[in-house]
Amino acid sequence: MDTQSQKRAAAARAVEFVRPGMRVGLGTGSTARCFVELLAERVRAGLDVLAVPTSEAPGLMPSGSGSH
């Protein structure tokens, strides 16, 4: 498994812990970006969470993700 696949797998595992109504801190970095992408998929599918960026990194949360 290459490094990018390992990062995506780690992010996917972390997303499994997110539950409706949670406040979720969104970090920066390549693994965090994978997490945000996967979280956005769940939000578009109806998961209700409050996403709080830990920085002002531009484009951290994909447009149209549906998060608060």
N, C-alpha and C. Protein backbone atom coordinates (compact mmCIF):
# COMPACT_ATOMS: atom_id res chain seq x y z
N MET A 1 0.85 -1.17 0.00
CA MET A 1 0.00 0.00 0.00
C MET A 1 0.90 1.23 0.00
N ASP A 2 0.66 2.14 -0.94
CA ASP A 2 1.49 3.35 -1.00
C ASP A 2 1.06 4.36 0.07
N THR A 3 1.85 5.39 0.23
CA THR A 3 1.62 6.39 1.28
C THR A 3 0.26 7.05 1.16
N GLN A 4 -0.13 7.44 -0.06
CA GLN A 4 -1.42 8.11 -0.24
C GLN A 4 -2.57 7.17 0.12
N SER A 5 -2.46 5.91 -0.21
CA SER A 5 -3.50 4.93 0.15
C SER A 5 -3.58 4.76 1.66
N GLN A 6 -2.44 4.79 2.33
CA GLN A 6 -2.42 4.69 3.79
C GLN A 6 -3.09 5.90 4.43
N LYS A 7 -2.83 7.08 3.88
CA LYS A 7 -3.44 8.30 4.41
C LYS A 7 -4.96 8.25 4.22
N ARG A 8 -5.39 7.82 3.04
CA ARG A 8 -6.83 7.74 2.77
C ARG A 8 -7.48 6.70 3.68
N ALA A 9 -6.81 5.59 3.92
CA ALA A 9 -7.35 4.56 4.81
C ALA A 9 -7.46 5.09 6.25
N ALA A 10 -6.46 5.84 6.69
CA ALA A 10 -6.51 6.43 8.03
C ALA A 10 -7.65 7.43 8.14
N ALA A 11 -7.82 8.24 7.11
CA ALA A 11 -8.91 9.22 7.10
C ALA A 11 -10.26 8.53 7.09
N ALA A 12 -10.39 7.48 6.32
CA ALA A 12 -11.66 6.73 6.26
C ALA A 12 -12.00 6.14 7.61
N ARG A 13 -10.99 5.63 8.30
CA ARG A 13 -11.22 5.07 9.64
C ARG A 13 -11.67 6.16 10.60
N ALA A 14 -11.05 7.33 10.52
CA ALA A 14 -11.42 8.45 11.40
C ALA A 14 -12.85 8.91 11.14
N VAL A 15 -13.26 8.94 9.88
CA VAL A 15 -14.61 9.38 9.53
C VAL A 15 -15.65 8.44 10.13
N GLU A 16 -15.30 7.19 10.32
CA GLU A 16 -16.23 6.23 10.93
C GLU A 16 -16.66 6.64 12.33
N PHE A 17 -15.84 7.43 13.01
CA PHE A 17 -16.14 7.84 14.38
C PHE A 17 -17.05 9.06 14.45
N VAL A 18 -17.30 9.71 13.34
CA VAL A 18 -18.12 10.92 13.32
C VAL A 18 -19.59 10.53 13.39
N ARG A 19 -20.31 11.15 14.34
CA ARG A 19 -21.73 10.87 14.57
C ARG A 19 -22.55 12.14 14.35
N PRO A 20 -23.84 11.97 14.04
CA PRO A 20 -24.71 13.13 13.84
C PRO A 20 -24.67 14.07 15.04
N GLY A 21 -24.64 15.37 14.73
CA GLY A 21 -24.65 16.39 15.77
C GLY A 21 -23.29 16.74 16.33
N MET A 22 -22.25 16.03 15.94
CA MET A 22 -20.91 16.31 16.46
C MET A 22 -20.35 17.61 15.91
N ARG A 23 -19.47 18.22 16.68
CA ARG A 23 -18.62 19.31 16.19
C ARG A 23 -17.32 18.65 15.80
N VAL A 24 -16.87 18.92 14.58
CA VAL A 24 -15.67 18.26 14.06
C VAL A 24 -14.65 19.31 13.68
N GLY A 25 -13.46 19.23 14.28
CA GLY A 25 -12.38 20.13 13.92
C GLY A 25 -11.72 19.65 12.63
N LEU A 26 -11.55 20.57 11.70
CA LEU A 26 -10.94 20.24 10.41
C LEU A 26 -9.53 20.80 10.36
N GLY A 27 -8.55 19.93 10.37
CA GLY A 27 -7.15 20.35 10.34
C GLY A 27 -6.66 20.58 8.93
N THR A 28 -5.36 20.70 8.82
CA THR A 28 -4.73 20.90 7.51
C THR A 28 -3.74 19.76 7.27
N GLY A 29 -3.30 19.65 6.05
CA GLY A 29 -2.36 18.60 5.69
C GLY A 29 -3.01 17.59 4.77
N SER A 30 -2.20 16.71 4.23
CA SER A 30 -2.68 15.79 3.21
C SER A 30 -3.66 14.75 3.77
N THR A 31 -3.44 14.26 4.97
CA THR A 31 -4.37 13.29 5.55
C THR A 31 -5.66 13.98 5.95
N ALA A 32 -5.56 15.19 6.48
CA ALA A 32 -6.76 15.95 6.83
C ALA A 32 -7.59 16.25 5.58
N ARG A 33 -6.93 16.52 4.48
CA ARG A 33 -7.66 16.78 3.23
C ARG A 33 -8.46 15.53 2.83
N CYS A 34 -7.87 14.36 2.96
CA CYS A 34 -8.60 13.12 2.67
C CYS A 34 -9.81 13.00 3.60
N PHE A 35 -9.61 13.30 4.88
CA PHE A 35 -10.69 13.25 5.86
C PHE A 35 -11.82 14.19 5.45
N VAL A 36 -11.49 15.42 5.08
CA VAL A 36 -12.50 16.40 4.70
C VAL A 36 -13.28 15.92 3.48
N GLU A 37 -12.59 15.36 2.50
CA GLU A 37 -13.27 14.85 1.31
C GLU A 37 -14.25 13.74 1.67
N LEU A 38 -13.82 12.82 2.51
CA LEU A 38 -14.68 11.71 2.91
C LEU A 38 -15.82 12.18 3.80
N LEU A 39 -15.53 13.12 4.69
CA LEU A 39 -16.59 13.68 5.54
C LEU A 39 -17.62 14.39 4.68
N ALA A 40 -17.18 15.14 3.68
CA ALA A 40 -18.10 15.85 2.79
C ALA A 40 -19.05 14.89 2.10
N GLU A 41 -18.56 13.71 1.72
CA GLU A 41 -19.42 12.70 1.10
C GLU A 41 -20.53 12.29 2.06
N ARG A 42 -20.19 12.09 3.32
CA ARG A 42 -21.19 11.70 4.31
C ARG A 42 -22.17 12.83 4.58
N VAL A 43 -21.68 14.06 4.59
CA VAL A 43 -22.55 15.21 4.81
C VAL A 43 -23.54 15.32 3.65
N ARG A 44 -23.07 15.18 2.43
CA ARG A 44 -23.97 15.22 1.27
C ARG A 44 -25.02 14.12 1.33
N ALA A 45 -24.68 13.01 1.98
CA ALA A 45 -25.61 11.89 2.12
C ALA A 45 -26.57 12.08 3.30
N GLY A 46 -26.43 13.20 4.02
CA GLY A 46 -27.38 13.49 5.08
C GLY A 46 -26.83 13.61 6.49
N LEU A 47 -25.55 13.36 6.71
CA LEU A 47 -24.97 13.49 8.04
C LEU A 47 -24.96 14.96 8.45
N ASP A 48 -25.46 15.25 9.64
CA ASP A 48 -25.51 16.62 10.14
C ASP A 48 -24.41 16.82 11.18
N VAL A 49 -23.39 17.60 10.82
CA VAL A 49 -22.30 17.91 11.74
C VAL A 49 -21.97 19.39 11.63
N LEU A 50 -21.30 19.91 12.62
CA LEU A 50 -20.78 21.27 12.59
C LEU A 50 -19.28 21.15 12.37
N ALA A 51 -18.82 21.57 11.20
CA ALA A 51 -17.40 21.50 10.85
C ALA A 51 -16.72 22.81 11.20
N VAL A 52 -15.66 22.74 11.99
CA VAL A 52 -14.94 23.93 12.45
C VAL A 52 -13.50 23.86 11.96
N PRO A 53 -13.12 24.74 11.03
CA PRO A 53 -11.74 24.73 10.55
C PRO A 53 -10.78 25.20 11.65
N THR A 54 -9.62 24.57 11.72
CA THR A 54 -8.62 24.96 12.71
C THR A 54 -7.70 26.04 12.16
N SER A 55 -7.88 26.37 10.89
CA SER A 55 -7.12 27.45 10.28
C SER A 55 -7.96 28.02 9.16
N GLU A 56 -7.43 28.99 8.48
CA GLU A 56 -8.16 29.59 7.37
C GLU A 56 -7.61 29.11 6.03
N ALA A 57 -7.19 27.86 5.98
CA ALA A 57 -6.65 27.30 4.74
C ALA A 57 -7.72 27.39 3.65
N PRO A 58 -7.41 28.04 2.55
CA PRO A 58 -8.41 28.20 1.49
C PRO A 58 -8.78 26.86 0.87
N GLY A 59 -10.07 26.70 0.61
CA GLY A 59 -10.54 25.50 -0.06
C GLY A 59 -10.51 24.26 0.79
N LEU A 60 -10.45 24.41 2.11
CA LEU A 60 -10.37 23.23 2.95
C LEU A 60 -11.64 22.37 2.84
N MET A 61 -12.80 23.01 2.93
CA MET A 61 -14.04 22.27 2.80
C MET A 61 -14.56 22.42 1.38
N PRO A 62 -14.76 21.32 0.70
CA PRO A 62 -15.22 21.40 -0.69
C PRO A 62 -16.53 22.16 -0.81
N SER A 63 -16.65 22.94 -1.84
CA SER A 63 -17.86 23.70 -2.10
C SER A 63 -19.03 22.75 -2.27
N GLY A 64 -20.16 23.13 -1.69
CA GLY A 64 -21.36 22.33 -1.84
C GLY A 64 -21.38 21.09 -0.99
N SER A 65 -20.54 21.04 0.03
CA SER A 65 -20.49 19.84 0.87
C SER A 65 -21.71 19.72 1.75
N GLY A 66 -22.37 20.85 2.03
CA GLY A 66 -23.57 20.82 2.84
C GLY A 66 -23.32 20.91 4.33
N SER A 67 -22.08 21.06 4.76
CA SER A 67 -21.81 21.19 6.19
C SER A 67 -22.15 22.59 6.65
N HIS A 68 -22.35 22.76 7.95
CA HIS A 68 -22.67 24.06 8.53
C HIS A 68 -21.41 24.90 8.57
